[in-house]
Amino acid sequence: MKSFAPFHFENNLTAEQRLFFQQHGIIQFKNFVEKETVAVFLREIQNVQHAFLSKDVKKVNGIPLKFGFDETGRTLIQRLAFTSHYSNVLSEFLKDPRFQILLELLGPYDGRIGENEKDGLVVNHYVNSPFSQFKQLGWHTDSPRDLFMGSRIQPMLNVGLHLDDCSVENGGLRVLAGTHTQGLMGLFFRKKYFVDNEPDPKEVGFNIEAGDLTIHDGRLWHRVQQSPVVGAQSRRRVMYIPFITGAYQPKNADSPTPFYHKLAGLKQKRDAAQAERSEKFALKNLNWSRLLG
């Protein structure tokens, strides 16, 4: 599989980095934060998760949380929204002056960090276990969400700070480089949104280390490949920071749930029911004498 060589961010965007991003719609910066900082962020996320679970929080500002179980059967939140609203450390991180430089990749549009908009600072927690509801993510782009919110598609970037090592062989991010320049037909119909998980001959993978930063254009087709291993080694946690444009549209506790999240919730329930039926069928048809003999 093809992969791109990463860059290092030295507090400015070079002409080479700008050109690379314009051509491919994605860029990776190595060691954007130190491993010690990653450990601090993971503790903060764990604290937020603990608070949500203890208070039985299901939604934040209208955005549903995604629940699942790890390899030990312990409950975890596999998609957190507006995480920085519950952590001063994470909120301060969004004020890192380097992000103001990286916002230039949205040019010629004026961009901002959407801490209080869209889904805020999102934390995705992928783990491959029999109980996980978040093992992979089918092909999609991020741009059509604006249509569900009643507005035209606005330029945006998804900025991911990776909190676990994840080699190409261990699954993780896959993109169709250059598709951010496609027309509307390609944006809507190149793949079946979220349903299609099949590898593409042209897809590009990434060798990620904890502390790396990836930035991709919202119009870029991408997916998350399921890890071939099970349990803790499959774990992949990413903080996603939205770089957005357009009118300021903050969310609050009274904000309605966007339609695309309702669809995702239905799919999650259907997948969970299917998995439960499969487990019951397997148990019913086990040849116990063969196993115990």
C-alpha atoms as a PDB file:
ATOM      1  CA  MET A   1       0.000   0.000   0.000  1.00  0.00           C
ATOM      2  CA  LYS A   2       1.171   3.492  -0.815  1.00  0.00           C
ATOM      3  CA  SER A   3       2.060   5.823   2.064  1.00  0.00           C
ATOM      4  CA  PHE A   4       3.267   9.415   2.304  1.00  0.00           C
ATOM      5  CA  ALA A   5       6.409  10.596   4.053  1.00  0.00           C
ATOM      6  CA  PRO A   6       5.525  12.818   7.037  1.00  0.00           C
ATOM      7  CA  PHE A   7       6.700  16.365   7.642  1.00  0.00           C
ATOM      8  CA  HIS A   8       7.880  18.189  10.759  1.00  0.00           C
ATOM      9  CA  PHE A   9       6.175  21.420  11.765  1.00  0.00           C
ATOM     10  CA  GLU A  10       8.647  24.140  12.721  1.00  0.00           C
ATOM     11  CA  ASN A  11       6.193  26.914  13.634  1.00  0.00           C
ATOM     12  CA  ASN A  12       5.633  27.889  10.025  1.00  0.00           C
ATOM     13  CA  LEU A  13       4.177  26.359   6.886  1.00  0.00           C
ATOM     14  CA  THR A  14       6.774  25.902   4.168  1.00  0.00           C
ATOM     15  CA  ALA A  15       6.041  26.256   0.467  1.00  0.00           C
ATOM     16  CA  GLU A  16       6.613  22.494   0.090  1.00  0.00           C
ATOM     17  CA  GLN A  17       4.076  21.704   2.828  1.00  0.00           C
ATOM     18  CA  ARG A  18       1.473  24.022   1.355  1.00  0.00           C
ATOM     19  CA  LEU A  19       1.895  22.533  -2.114  1.00  0.00           C
ATOM     20  CA  PHE A  20       1.717  18.970  -0.757  1.00  0.00           C
ATOM     21  CA  PHE A  21      -1.529  19.721   1.049  1.00  0.00           C
ATOM     22  CA  GLN A  22      -3.037  21.438  -1.997  1.00  0.00           C
ATOM     23  CA  GLN A  23      -2.238  18.412  -4.164  1.00  0.00           C
ATOM     24  CA  HIS A  24      -3.241  15.595  -1.798  1.00  0.00           C
ATOM     25  CA  GLY A  25      -5.732  17.138   0.635  1.00  0.00           C
ATOM     26  CA  ILE A  26      -3.901  15.675   3.651  1.00  0.00           C
ATOM     27  CA  ILE A  27      -0.624  16.147   5.499  1.00  0.00           C
ATOM     28  CA  GLN A  28       1.038  14.469   8.487  1.00  0.00           C
ATOM     29  CA  PHE A  29       3.307  16.219  10.994  1.00  0.00           C
ATOM     30  CA  LYS A  30       5.523  14.048  13.185  1.00  0.00           C
ATOM     31  CA  ASN A  31       5.851  14.623  16.926  1.00  0.00           C
ATOM     32  CA  PHE A  32       3.515  17.611  17.068  1.00  0.00           C
ATOM     33  CA  VAL A  33       3.343  17.018  20.820  1.00  0.00           C
ATOM     34  CA  GLU A  34       5.666  15.049  23.087  1.00  0.00           C
ATOM     35  CA  LYS A  35       4.842  11.609  24.465  1.00  0.00           C
ATOM     36  CA  GLU A  36       4.561  13.114  27.960  1.00  0.00           C
ATOM     37  CA  THR A  37       1.880  15.502  26.695  1.00  0.00           C
ATOM     38  CA  VAL A  38       0.020  12.611  25.092  1.00  0.00           C
ATOM     39  CA  ALA A  39      -0.051  10.873  28.491  1.00  0.00           C
ATOM     40  CA  VAL A  40      -1.515  14.014  30.096  1.00  0.00           C
ATOM     41  CA  PHE A  41      -4.219  14.238  27.411  1.00  0.00           C
ATOM     42  CA  LEU A  42      -5.138  10.575  27.874  1.00  0.00           C
ATOM     43  CA  ARG A  43      -5.595  11.120  31.608  1.00  0.00           C
ATOM     44  CA  GLU A  44      -7.812  14.139  30.935  1.00  0.00           C
ATOM     45  CA  ILE A  45      -9.939  12.150  28.479  1.00  0.00           C
ATOM     46  CA  GLN A  46     -10.242   9.325  30.996  1.00  0.00           C
ATOM     47  CA  ASN A  47     -11.437  11.824  33.607  1.00  0.00           C
ATOM     48  CA  VAL A  48     -14.069  13.225  31.233  1.00  0.00           C
ATOM     49  CA  GLN A  49     -15.259   9.731  30.376  1.00  0.00           C
ATOM     50  CA  HIS A  50     -15.495   8.795  34.048  1.00  0.00           C
ATOM     51  CA  ALA A  51     -17.559  11.906  34.777  1.00  0.00           C
ATOM     52  CA  PHE A  52     -19.941  11.198  31.887  1.00  0.00           C
ATOM     53  CA  LEU A  53     -20.400   7.551  32.869  1.00  0.00           C
ATOM     54  CA  SER A  54     -20.979   8.349  36.530  1.00  0.00           C
ATOM     55  CA  LYS A  55     -23.620  10.932  35.599  1.00  0.00           C
ATOM     56  CA  ASP A  56     -25.152   8.750  32.858  1.00  0.00           C
ATOM     57  CA  VAL A  57     -24.616  11.433  30.201  1.00  0.00           C
ATOM     58  CA  LYS A  58     -25.922  10.329  26.782  1.00  0.00           C
ATOM     59  CA  LYS A  59     -25.617  13.555  24.775  1.00  0.00           C
ATOM     60  CA  VAL A  60     -23.541  16.704  24.895  1.00  0.00           C
ATOM     61  CA  ASN A  61     -25.011  19.813  23.273  1.00  0.00           C
ATOM     62  CA  GLY A  62     -27.322  17.619  21.197  1.00  0.00           C
ATOM     63  CA  ILE A  63     -24.532  15.294  20.016  1.00  0.00           C
ATOM     64  CA  PRO A  64     -24.969  11.641  21.064  1.00  0.00           C
ATOM     65  CA  LEU A  65     -22.047   9.879  22.680  1.00  0.00           C
ATOM     66  CA  LYS A  66     -21.082   6.495  21.240  1.00  0.00           C
ATOM     67  CA  PHE A  67     -20.789   3.713  23.819  1.00  0.00           C
ATOM     68  CA  GLY A  68     -19.121   0.324  23.677  1.00  0.00           C
ATOM     69  CA  PHE A  69     -16.962  -2.086  25.644  1.00  0.00           C
ATOM     70  CA  ASP A  70     -13.253  -2.799  25.649  1.00  0.00           C
ATOM     71  CA  GLU A  71     -11.618  -6.225  25.411  1.00  0.00           C
ATOM     72  CA  THR A  72     -12.305  -6.875  29.100  1.00  0.00           C
ATOM     73  CA  GLY A  73     -16.011  -6.033  28.796  1.00  0.00           C
ATOM     74  CA  ARG A  74     -15.600  -2.707  30.595  1.00  0.00           C
ATOM     75  CA  THR A  75     -17.866   0.125  29.423  1.00  0.00           C
ATOM     76  CA  LEU A  76     -16.149   2.924  27.530  1.00  0.00           C
ATOM     77  CA  ILE A  77     -17.234   5.905  25.475  1.00  0.00           C
ATOM     78  CA  GLN A  78     -15.973   5.383  21.958  1.00  0.00           C
ATOM     79  CA  ARG A  79     -16.897   8.829  20.674  1.00  0.00           C
ATOM     80  CA  LEU A  80     -16.805  11.885  22.932  1.00  0.00           C
ATOM     81  CA  ALA A  81     -18.049  15.293  21.790  1.00  0.00           C
ATOM     82  CA  PHE A  82     -17.162  18.772  23.074  1.00  0.00           C
ATOM     83  CA  THR A  83     -14.494  17.149  25.248  1.00  0.00           C
ATOM     84  CA  SER A  84     -12.600  20.393  25.861  1.00  0.00           C
ATOM     85  CA  HIS A  85     -15.679  21.847  27.604  1.00  0.00           C
ATOM     86  CA  TYR A  86     -14.920  19.480  30.486  1.00  0.00           C
ATOM     87  CA  SER A  87     -11.137  19.794  30.637  1.00  0.00           C
ATOM     88  CA  ASN A  88      -9.173  23.004  31.149  1.00  0.00           C
ATOM     89  CA  VAL A  89      -6.051  21.238  29.881  1.00  0.00           C
ATOM     90  CA  LEU A  90      -7.656  20.311  26.555  1.00  0.00           C
ATOM     91  CA  SER A  91      -9.294  23.718  26.213  1.00  0.00           C
ATOM     92  CA  GLU A  92      -5.906  25.402  26.685  1.00  0.00           C
ATOM     93  CA  PHE A  93      -4.390  23.091  24.071  1.00  0.00           C
ATOM     94  CA  LEU A  94      -6.817  24.463  21.476  1.00  0.00           C
ATOM     95  CA  LYS A  95      -5.254  27.883  22.086  1.00  0.00           C
ATOM     96  CA  ASP A  96      -1.830  26.603  20.974  1.00  0.00           C
ATOM     97  CA  PRO A  97      -0.526  29.370  18.657  1.00  0.00           C
ATOM     98  CA  ARG A  98       0.596  26.771  16.132  1.00  0.00           C
ATOM     99  CA  PHE A  99      -3.039  26.120  15.260  1.00  0.00           C
ATOM    100  CA  GLN A 100      -3.424  29.720  14.155  1.00  0.00           C
ATOM    101  CA  ILE A 101      -0.631  29.125  11.651  1.00  0.00           C
ATOM    102  CA  LEU A 102      -2.149  25.864  10.457  1.00  0.00           C
ATOM    103  CA  LEU A 103      -5.464  27.639   9.872  1.00  0.00           C
ATOM    104  CA  GLU A 104      -3.749  29.203   6.862  1.00  0.00           C
ATOM    105  CA  LEU A 105      -4.328  25.895   5.059  1.00  0.00           C
ATOM    106  CA  LEU A 106      -7.969  26.999   4.769  1.00  0.00           C
ATOM    107  CA  GLY A 107      -6.932  29.983   2.668  1.00  0.00           C
ATOM    108  CA  PRO A 108      -8.280  32.013   0.997  1.00  0.00           C
ATOM    109  CA  TYR A 109     -11.077  31.487   3.551  1.00  0.00           C
ATOM    110  CA  ASP A 110     -10.908  32.851   7.097  1.00  0.00           C
ATOM    111  CA  GLY A 111     -10.940  29.896   9.466  1.00  0.00           C
ATOM    112  CA  ARG A 112     -11.345  29.362  13.180  1.00  0.00           C
ATOM    113  CA  ILE A 113     -11.210  26.519  15.693  1.00  0.00           C
ATOM    114  CA  GLY A 114     -14.739  25.235  16.272  1.00  0.00           C
ATOM    115  CA  GLU A 115     -14.464  24.458  19.974  1.00  0.00           C
ATOM    116  CA  ASN A 116     -18.115  25.425  20.523  1.00  0.00           C
ATOM    117  CA  GLU A 117     -19.478  24.444  17.096  1.00  0.00           C
ATOM    118  CA  LYS A 118     -20.238  21.278  15.096  1.00  0.00           C
ATOM    119  CA  ASP A 119     -19.261  18.469  17.532  1.00  0.00           C
ATOM    120  CA  GLY A 120     -16.490  20.448  19.226  1.00  0.00           C
ATOM    121  CA  LEU A 121     -13.320  18.612  20.187  1.00  0.00           C
ATOM    122  CA  VAL A 122     -14.132  14.988  19.346  1.00  0.00           C
ATOM    123  CA  VAL A 123     -12.275  12.002  20.777  1.00  0.00           C
ATOM    124  CA  ASN A 124     -12.633   8.746  18.848  1.00  0.00           C
ATOM    125  CA  HIS A 125     -11.663   5.505  20.571  1.00  0.00           C
ATOM    126  CA  TYR A 126     -11.337   2.532  18.232  1.00  0.00           C
ATOM    127  CA  VAL A 127     -10.702  -0.927  19.649  1.00  0.00           C
ATOM    128  CA  ASN A 128     -11.150  -4.312  18.007  1.00  0.00           C
ATOM    129  CA  SER A 129     -12.987  -6.521  20.482  1.00  0.00           C
ATOM    130  CA  PRO A 130     -16.134  -8.647  20.327  1.00  0.00           C
ATOM    131  CA  PHE A 131     -17.958  -5.977  22.346  1.00  0.00           C
ATOM    132  CA  SER A 132     -16.742  -2.856  20.562  1.00  0.00           C
ATOM    133  CA  GLN A 133     -19.180  -0.673  18.638  1.00  0.00           C
ATOM    134  CA  PHE A 134     -16.338   1.279  17.014  1.00  0.00           C
ATOM    135  CA  LYS A 135     -13.871  -1.017  15.232  1.00  0.00           C
ATOM    136  CA  GLN A 136     -13.752   0.723  11.868  1.00  0.00           C
ATOM    137  CA  LEU A 137     -15.407   3.521   9.916  1.00  0.00           C
ATOM    138  CA  GLY A 138     -16.590   3.212   6.320  1.00  0.00           C
ATOM    139  CA  TRP A 139     -15.688   5.509   3.450  1.00  0.00           C
ATOM    140  CA  HIS A 140     -17.025   9.035   3.850  1.00  0.00           C
ATOM    141  CA  THR A 141     -16.268  12.722   3.550  1.00  0.00           C
ATOM    142  CA  ASP A 142     -17.010  15.283   6.263  1.00  0.00           C
ATOM    143  CA  SER A 143     -18.463  18.033   4.079  1.00  0.00           C
ATOM    144  CA  PRO A 144     -22.106  16.905   3.561  1.00  0.00           C
ATOM    145  CA  ARG A 145     -22.836  17.389   7.270  1.00  0.00           C
ATOM    146  CA  ASP A 146     -23.391  21.052   6.485  1.00  0.00           C
ATOM    147  CA  LEU A 147     -26.319  20.107   4.248  1.00  0.00           C
ATOM    148  CA  PHE A 148     -27.994  18.293   7.147  1.00  0.00           C
ATOM    149  CA  MET A 149     -27.568  21.465   9.179  1.00  0.00           C
ATOM    150  CA  GLY A 150     -29.455  23.451   6.548  1.00  0.00           C
ATOM    151  CA  SER A 151     -26.519  25.326   5.014  1.00  0.00           C
ATOM    152  CA  ARG A 152     -24.342  24.983   1.946  1.00  0.00           C
ATOM    153  CA  ILE A 153     -21.073  23.070   2.156  1.00  0.00           C
ATOM    154  CA  GLN A 154     -18.431  25.198   3.861  1.00  0.00           C
ATOM    155  CA  PRO A 155     -14.659  24.683   3.618  1.00  0.00           C
ATOM    156  CA  MET A 156     -13.329  22.838   6.678  1.00  0.00           C
ATOM    157  CA  LEU A 157     -10.355  20.807   7.855  1.00  0.00           C
ATOM    158  CA  ASN A 158     -10.303  17.909  10.288  1.00  0.00           C
ATOM    159  CA  VAL A 159      -7.192  18.061  12.448  1.00  0.00           C
ATOM    160  CA  GLY A 160      -6.391  14.834  14.256  1.00  0.00           C
ATOM    161  CA  LEU A 161      -3.945  14.507  17.139  1.00  0.00           C
ATOM    162  CA  HIS A 162      -3.115  10.811  17.429  1.00  0.00           C
ATOM    163  CA  LEU A 163      -2.737   9.389  20.917  1.00  0.00           C
ATOM    164  CA  ASP A 164      -1.604   5.841  20.054  1.00  0.00           C
ATOM    165  CA  ASP A 165       0.969   4.306  17.738  1.00  0.00           C
ATOM    166  CA  CYS A 166      -0.688   2.807  14.671  1.00  0.00           C
ATOM    167  CA  SER A 167       1.277   1.407  11.758  1.00  0.00           C
ATOM    168  CA  VAL A 168      -0.238   0.865   8.326  1.00  0.00           C
ATOM    169  CA  GLU A 169      -0.345  -2.866   9.048  1.00  0.00           C
ATOM    170  CA  ASN A 170      -2.388  -2.267  12.205  1.00  0.00           C
ATOM    171  CA  GLY A 171      -5.248  -0.541  10.398  1.00  0.00           C
ATOM    172  CA  GLY A 172      -6.051   3.099  10.954  1.00  0.00           C
ATOM    173  CA  LEU A 173      -6.544   6.007   8.589  1.00  0.00           C
ATOM    174  CA  ARG A 174      -6.918   5.455   4.837  1.00  0.00           C
ATOM    175  CA  VAL A 175      -7.547   8.223   2.294  1.00  0.00           C
ATOM    176  CA  LEU A 176      -8.108   8.668  -1.430  1.00  0.00           C
ATOM    177  CA  ALA A 177      -5.553  11.396  -1.948  1.00  0.00           C
ATOM    178  CA  GLY A 178      -6.576  14.281  -4.178  1.00  0.00           C
ATOM    179  CA  THR A 179     -10.324  13.647  -3.987  1.00  0.00           C
ATOM    180  CA  HIS A 180     -10.800  16.963  -2.192  1.00  0.00           C
ATOM    181  CA  THR A 181     -10.795  18.611  -5.625  1.00  0.00           C
ATOM    182  CA  GLN A 182     -13.607  16.429  -6.998  1.00  0.00           C
ATOM    183  CA  GLY A 183     -16.938  17.761  -8.198  1.00  0.00           C
ATOM    184  CA  LEU A 184     -20.264  17.225  -6.476  1.00  0.00           C
ATOM    185  CA  MET A 185     -20.893  13.896  -8.226  1.00  0.00           C
ATOM    186  CA  GLY A 186     -17.668  12.496  -6.806  1.00  0.00           C
ATOM    187  CA  LEU A 187     -18.341  14.039  -3.412  1.00  0.00           C
ATOM    188  CA  PHE A 188     -21.702  12.328  -3.083  1.00  0.00           C
ATOM    189  CA  PHE A 189     -21.457   9.166  -5.153  1.00  0.00           C
ATOM    190  CA  ARG A 190     -17.850   7.928  -5.394  1.00  0.00           C
ATOM    191  CA  LYS A 191     -18.528   5.547  -2.463  1.00  0.00           C
ATOM    192  CA  LYS A 192     -21.525   4.449  -0.410  1.00  0.00           C
ATOM    193  CA  TYR A 193     -21.279   6.630   2.671  1.00  0.00           C
ATOM    194  CA  PHE A 194     -20.240   4.660   5.788  1.00  0.00           C
ATOM    195  CA  VAL A 195     -21.544   1.402   4.271  1.00  0.00           C
ATOM    196  CA  ASP A 196     -18.550   0.729   2.026  1.00  0.00           C
ATOM    197  CA  ASN A 197     -15.579  -0.560   4.030  1.00  0.00           C
ATOM    198  CA  GLU A 198     -13.741  -2.201   1.148  1.00  0.00           C
ATOM    199  CA  PRO A 199     -10.086  -1.303   0.479  1.00  0.00           C
ATOM    200  CA  ASP A 200      -9.493   0.814  -2.604  1.00  0.00           C
ATOM    201  CA  PRO A 201      -6.512   0.155  -4.917  1.00  0.00           C
ATOM    202  CA  LYS A 202      -5.674   3.869  -4.793  1.00  0.00           C
ATOM    203  CA  GLU A 203      -5.949   4.348  -1.038  1.00  0.00           C
ATOM    204  CA  VAL A 204      -3.047   5.710   1.004  1.00  0.00           C
ATOM    205  CA  GLY A 205      -2.228   4.555   4.551  1.00  0.00           C
ATOM    206  CA  PHE A 206      -0.190   6.190   7.301  1.00  0.00           C
ATOM    207  CA  ASN A 207       2.403   5.091   9.805  1.00  0.00           C
ATOM    208  CA  ILE A 208       1.316   6.967  12.900  1.00  0.00           C
ATOM    209  CA  GLU A 209       3.036   7.480  16.237  1.00  0.00           C
ATOM    210  CA  ALA A 210       1.441   8.918  19.354  1.00  0.00           C
ATOM    211  CA  GLY A 211       1.856  12.691  19.173  1.00  0.00           C
ATOM    212  CA  ASP A 212       1.576  12.929  15.372  1.00  0.00           C
ATOM    213  CA  LEU A 213      -0.862  15.363  13.788  1.00  0.00           C
ATOM    214  CA  THR A 214      -2.797  14.747  10.568  1.00  0.00           C
ATOM    215  CA  ILE A 215      -4.817  17.376   8.719  1.00  0.00           C
ATOM    216  CA  HIS A 216      -7.256  16.496   5.975  1.00  0.00           C
ATOM    217  CA  ASP A 217      -9.655  18.490   3.855  1.00  0.00           C
ATOM    218  CA  GLY A 218     -13.336  17.906   4.687  1.00  0.00           C
ATOM    219  CA  ARG A 219     -14.042  16.949   1.067  1.00  0.00           C
ATOM    220  CA  LEU A 220     -11.464  14.145   1.078  1.00  0.00           C
ATOM    221  CA  TRP A 221     -12.718  10.546   0.977  1.00  0.00           C
ATOM    222  CA  HIS A 222     -11.353   8.614   3.946  1.00  0.00           C
ATOM    223  CA  ARG A 223     -12.069   5.639   6.190  1.00  0.00           C
ATOM    224  CA  VAL A 224     -10.650   3.797   9.202  1.00  0.00           C
ATOM    225  CA  GLN A 225      -9.430   0.249   8.589  1.00  0.00           C
ATOM    226  CA  GLN A 226     -10.174  -2.315  11.293  1.00  0.00           C
ATOM    227  CA  SER A 227      -7.114  -3.602  13.104  1.00  0.00           C
ATOM    228  CA  PRO A 228      -6.161  -7.227  12.314  1.00  0.00           C
ATOM    229  CA  VAL A 229      -5.357  -7.808  15.996  1.00  0.00           C
ATOM    230  CA  VAL A 230      -7.772  -7.968  18.915  1.00  0.00           C
ATOM    231  CA  GLY A 231      -7.639  -6.222  22.272  1.00  0.00           C
ATOM    232  CA  ALA A 232      -5.327  -3.555  23.647  1.00  0.00           C
ATOM    233  CA  GLN A 233      -2.908  -3.726  20.688  1.00  0.00           C
ATOM    234  CA  SER A 234      -5.720  -2.622  18.376  1.00  0.00           C
ATOM    235  CA  ARG A 235      -6.487   0.521  20.392  1.00  0.00           C
ATOM    236  CA  ARG A 236      -6.484   3.768  18.427  1.00  0.00           C
ATOM    237  CA  ARG A 237      -7.468   7.060  20.081  1.00  0.00           C
ATOM    238  CA  VAL A 238      -7.586  10.341  18.191  1.00  0.00           C
ATOM    239  CA  MET A 239      -8.598  13.880  19.174  1.00  0.00           C
ATOM    240  CA  TYR A 240     -10.225  15.717  16.256  1.00  0.00           C
ATOM    241  CA  ILE A 241     -10.113  19.510  16.196  1.00  0.00           C
ATOM    242  CA  PRO A 242     -12.470  21.137  13.661  1.00  0.00           C
ATOM    243  CA  PHE A 243     -11.046  23.989  11.589  1.00  0.00           C
ATOM    244  CA  ILE A 244     -14.155  25.628  10.158  1.00  0.00           C
ATOM    245  CA  THR A 245     -15.411  28.614   8.176  1.00  0.00           C
ATOM    246  CA  GLY A 246     -18.756  30.358   7.657  1.00  0.00           C
ATOM    247  CA  ALA A 247     -21.136  31.923  10.143  1.00  0.00           C
ATOM    248  CA  TYR A 248     -20.525  31.318  13.846  1.00  0.00           C
ATOM    249  CA  GLN A 249     -22.992  28.656  15.034  1.00  0.00           C
ATOM    250  CA  PRO A 250     -22.301  27.674  18.650  1.00  0.00           C
ATOM    251  CA  LYS A 251     -24.043  24.706  20.279  1.00  0.00           C
ATOM    252  CA  ASN A 252     -25.563  24.529  23.762  1.00  0.00           C
ATOM    253  CA  ALA A 253     -27.488  22.103  25.959  1.00  0.00           C
ATOM    254  CA  ASP A 254     -30.726  22.882  24.082  1.00  0.00           C
ATOM    255  CA  SER A 255     -29.291  22.240  20.616  1.00  0.00           C
ATOM    256  CA  PRO A 256     -31.181  19.584  18.601  1.00  0.00           C
ATOM    257  CA  THR A 257     -29.529  16.358  17.474  1.00  0.00           C
ATOM    258  CA  PRO A 258     -28.443  16.640  13.820  1.00  0.00           C
ATOM    259  CA  PHE A 259     -30.167  14.211  11.458  1.00  0.00           C
ATOM    260  CA  TYR A 260     -26.957  12.479  10.402  1.00  0.00           C
ATOM    261  CA  HIS A 261     -26.295  11.540  14.039  1.00  0.00           C
ATOM    262  CA  LYS A 262     -29.772  10.035  14.279  1.00  0.00           C
ATOM    263  CA  LEU A 263     -28.987   7.891  11.228  1.00  0.00           C
ATOM    264  CA  ALA A 264     -25.682   6.823  12.765  1.00  0.00           C
ATOM    265  CA  GLY A 265     -27.498   5.875  15.972  1.00  0.00           C
ATOM    266  CA  LEU A 266     -29.920   3.660  14.070  1.00  0.00           C
ATOM    267  CA  LYS A 267     -27.048   1.954  12.277  1.00  0.00           C
ATOM    268  CA  GLN A 268     -25.234   1.365  15.582  1.00  0.00           C
ATOM    269  CA  LYS A 269     -28.341  -0.256  17.117  1.00  0.00           C
ATOM    270  CA  ARG A 270     -28.811  -2.431  14.026  1.00  0.00           C
ATOM    271  CA  ASP A 271     -25.169  -3.529  14.072  1.00  0.00           C
ATOM    272  CA  ALA A 272     -25.349  -4.304  17.791  1.00  0.00           C
ATOM    273  CA  ALA A 273     -28.517  -6.375  17.325  1.00  0.00           C
ATOM    274  CA  GLN A 274     -26.939  -8.266  14.436  1.00  0.00           C
ATOM    275  CA  ALA A 275     -23.826  -8.993  16.513  1.00  0.00           C
ATOM    276  CA  GLU A 276     -25.986 -10.235  19.392  1.00  0.00           C
ATOM    277  CA  ARG A 277     -27.905 -12.559  17.065  1.00  0.00           C
ATOM    278  CA  SER A 278     -24.641 -13.889  15.641  1.00  0.00           C
ATOM    279  CA  GLU A 279     -23.258 -14.591  19.124  1.00  0.00           C
ATOM    280  CA  LYS A 280     -26.458 -16.403  20.148  1.00  0.00           C
ATOM    281  CA  PHE A 281     -26.392 -18.494  16.959  1.00  0.00           C
ATOM    282  CA  ALA A 282     -22.744 -19.402  17.548  1.00  0.00           C
ATOM    283  CA  LEU A 283     -23.415 -20.428  21.141  1.00  0.00           C
ATOM    284  CA  LYS A 284     -26.474 -22.460  20.154  1.00  0.00           C
ATOM    285  CA  ASN A 285     -24.572 -24.360  17.509  1.00  0.00           C
ATOM    286  CA  LEU A 286     -21.352 -25.023  19.413  1.00  0.00           C
ATOM    287  CA  ASN A 287     -20.282 -28.659  19.461  1.00  0.00           C
ATOM    288  CA  TRP A 288     -19.685 -28.774  23.204  1.00  0.00           C
ATOM    289  CA  SER A 289     -18.641 -32.436  23.248  1.00  0.00           C
ATOM    290  CA  ARG A 290     -15.978 -31.688  20.687  1.00  0.00           C
ATOM    291  CA  LEU A 291     -14.740 -28.652  22.617  1.00  0.00           C
ATOM    292  CA  LEU A 292     -14.703 -30.420  25.974  1.00  0.00           C
ATOM    293  CA  GLY A 293     -13.453 -33.713  24.690  1.00  0.00           C
END
